[in-house]
Amino acid sequence: MGRGALDAAWPWLKAIRDDERRSLHLLWSEDVTVLRKRVPALVAFLSRLGAANDAETRGQTLAASLASGRFEVLQAAARLYTAHGKDAERKWRGDLEKDIDAMRKEASGLVAVLKKFPEPNRLDVRETA
C-alpha cells in the first residue's frame, strides 16, 4: 500500500526534490533558478494535499514572487545585509563617521612622517669597496 502511494506520488516528488541530493529540503538561499523550478511544483503538490493550513497560499505567494523577480531582489538584499549589516548599523548610529575621521587623522600623521624621509631616487648611493 505504501509502495503504491509512493509510485502514484512519484511525478510530484520528482518535480519538487533536489536533483543532486534527492531531498525535499528547500533552502531560501538556493539559486533563484532552482527555486523557480521547484517552488511551483511544490505549490501544486501542496494543493493536492488539501488545505490543512495556509501552506498552499504561502507557496503561491512565493511562486508569484519568484516569477515577478521580487524574491531575487529580496534575496540579494538579505545577502548584502548579511555581509555589510554591521557597517550599516554603525552608519545609522553615527559611529562609522567617527571611525573614518580617526582613520583620516591617522593617515595624515603617517603622510607627515613619510614626508620627512628623502625620496628613494634622490638618495646618494655610493658603492663601498
Protein backbone atom coordinates (compact mmCIF):
# COMPACT_ATOMS: atom_id res chain seq x y z
CA MET A 1 0.00 0.00 0.00
CA GLY A 2 2.85 2.38 0.88
CA ARG A 3 4.68 1.49 -2.31
CA GLY A 4 1.56 2.21 -4.35
CA ALA A 5 1.18 5.62 -2.71
CA LEU A 6 4.84 6.48 -3.43
CA ASP A 7 4.55 5.30 -7.03
CA ALA A 8 1.44 7.42 -7.50
CA ALA A 9 3.17 10.45 -5.98
CA TRP A 10 6.47 9.93 -7.82
CA PRO A 11 5.86 12.52 -10.59
CA TRP A 12 5.18 15.16 -7.93
CA LEU A 13 8.05 14.08 -5.72
CA LYS A 14 10.42 14.08 -8.69
CA ALA A 15 9.39 17.65 -9.58
CA ILE A 16 9.93 19.06 -6.08
CA ARG A 17 13.02 17.17 -4.93
CA ASP A 18 16.60 18.36 -5.22
CA ASP A 19 18.25 16.62 -8.20
CA GLU A 20 21.66 16.24 -6.59
CA ARG A 21 20.69 15.16 -3.09
CA ARG A 22 17.26 13.64 -3.80
CA SER A 23 15.97 15.69 -0.93
CA LEU A 24 12.74 17.58 -0.42
CA HIS A 25 14.64 20.12 1.69
CA LEU A 26 14.31 23.63 0.25
CA LEU A 27 16.70 26.44 1.20
CA TRP A 28 15.78 30.09 0.66
CA SER A 29 19.42 30.83 -0.10
CA GLU A 30 19.38 28.50 -3.11
CA ASP A 31 19.91 29.90 -6.58
CA VAL A 32 16.77 31.58 -7.88
CA THR A 33 16.66 29.35 -10.98
CA VAL A 34 16.49 26.27 -8.74
CA LEU A 35 13.74 27.86 -6.67
CA ARG A 36 11.81 28.85 -9.81
CA LYS A 37 11.87 25.20 -10.85
CA ARG A 38 10.96 23.63 -7.53
CA VAL A 39 8.51 26.05 -5.90
CA PRO A 40 5.70 25.84 -8.48
CA ALA A 41 5.86 22.04 -8.33
CA LEU A 42 5.80 22.22 -4.54
CA VAL A 43 2.74 24.51 -4.62
CA ALA A 44 0.95 22.10 -6.95
CA PHE A 45 1.84 19.25 -4.60
CA LEU A 46 0.51 21.19 -1.58
CA SER A 47 -2.73 21.90 -3.39
CA ARG A 48 -3.22 18.18 -3.94
CA LEU A 49 -2.69 17.52 -0.23
CA GLY A 50 -5.54 19.84 0.69
CA ALA A 51 -5.90 22.99 2.69
CA ALA A 52 -4.71 21.71 6.07
CA ASN A 53 -3.16 25.12 6.75
CA ASP A 54 -2.08 28.16 4.76
CA ALA A 55 0.95 26.41 3.23
CA GLU A 56 -0.59 26.41 -0.23
CA THR A 57 -1.34 30.15 -0.04
CA ARG A 58 2.18 30.89 1.18
CA GLY A 59 3.58 28.72 -1.60
CA GLN A 60 1.52 30.55 -4.22
CA THR A 61 2.74 33.88 -2.85
CA LEU A 62 6.33 32.67 -3.05
CA ALA A 63 5.86 31.34 -6.58
CA ALA A 64 4.40 34.70 -7.67
CA SER A 65 7.33 36.50 -6.03
CA LEU A 66 9.79 34.25 -7.88
CA ALA A 67 8.01 34.78 -11.19
CA SER A 68 7.98 38.58 -10.80
CA GLY A 69 11.66 38.77 -9.78
CA ARG A 70 10.89 40.33 -6.39
CA PHE A 71 12.25 37.29 -4.50
CA GLU A 72 15.60 37.63 -6.25
CA VAL A 73 15.82 41.30 -5.22
CA LEU A 74 14.93 40.46 -1.61
CA GLN A 75 17.43 37.57 -1.59
CA ALA A 76 20.20 39.89 -2.86
CA ALA A 77 19.28 42.46 -0.19
CA ALA A 78 19.42 39.79 2.52
CA ARG A 79 22.86 38.69 1.31
CA LEU A 80 24.12 42.29 1.29
CA TYR A 81 22.78 42.87 4.77
CA THR A 82 24.47 39.68 5.95
CA ALA A 83 27.76 40.90 4.52
CA HIS A 84 27.52 44.58 5.45
CA GLY A 85 24.78 44.82 8.08
CA LYS A 86 27.06 45.76 10.97
CA ASP A 87 28.57 48.61 8.94
CA ALA A 88 25.08 49.83 8.01
CA GLU A 89 24.07 49.82 11.68
CA ARG A 90 27.25 51.71 12.61
CA LYS A 91 26.47 54.26 9.88
CA TRP A 92 22.94 54.66 11.23
CA ARG A 93 24.22 55.25 14.77
CA GLY A 94 26.86 57.71 13.54
CA ASP A 95 29.78 55.59 14.72
CA LEU A 96 31.13 54.97 11.23
CA GLU A 97 31.89 58.66 10.58
CA LYS A 98 33.86 58.86 13.82
CA ASP A 99 35.94 55.84 12.81
CA ILE A 100 36.51 57.25 9.32
CA ASP A 101 37.64 60.59 10.77
CA ALA A 102 40.04 58.77 13.13
CA MET A 103 41.47 56.81 10.18
CA ARG A 104 41.91 60.02 8.15
CA LYS A 105 43.80 61.66 11.03
CA GLU A 106 45.99 58.60 11.37
CA ALA A 107 46.66 58.62 7.62
CA SER A 108 47.57 62.33 7.73
CA GLY A 109 50.02 61.63 10.54
CA LEU A 110 51.62 58.83 8.55
CA VAL A 111 51.89 61.06 5.48
CA ALA A 112 53.66 63.72 7.59
CA VAL A 113 56.14 61.13 8.87
CA LEU A 114 56.79 59.79 5.37
CA LYS A 115 57.44 63.29 4.01
CA LYS A 116 60.42 63.58 6.35
CA PHE A 117 62.21 60.80 4.51
CA PRO A 118 64.02 61.62 1.27
CA GLU A 119 62.66 60.20 -1.94
CA PRO A 120 64.36 56.90 -2.84
CA ASN A 121 65.52 58.10 -6.28
CA ARG A 122 67.29 61.11 -4.69
CA LEU A 123 69.39 59.12 -2.26
CA ASP A 124 73.14 59.37 -2.75
CA VAL A 125 74.13 55.77 -3.14
CA ARG A 126 77.87 55.21 -3.30
CA GLU A 127 79.45 51.91 -3.75
CA THR A 128 81.61 50.90 -0.88
CA ALA A 129 84.67 48.92 -1.62
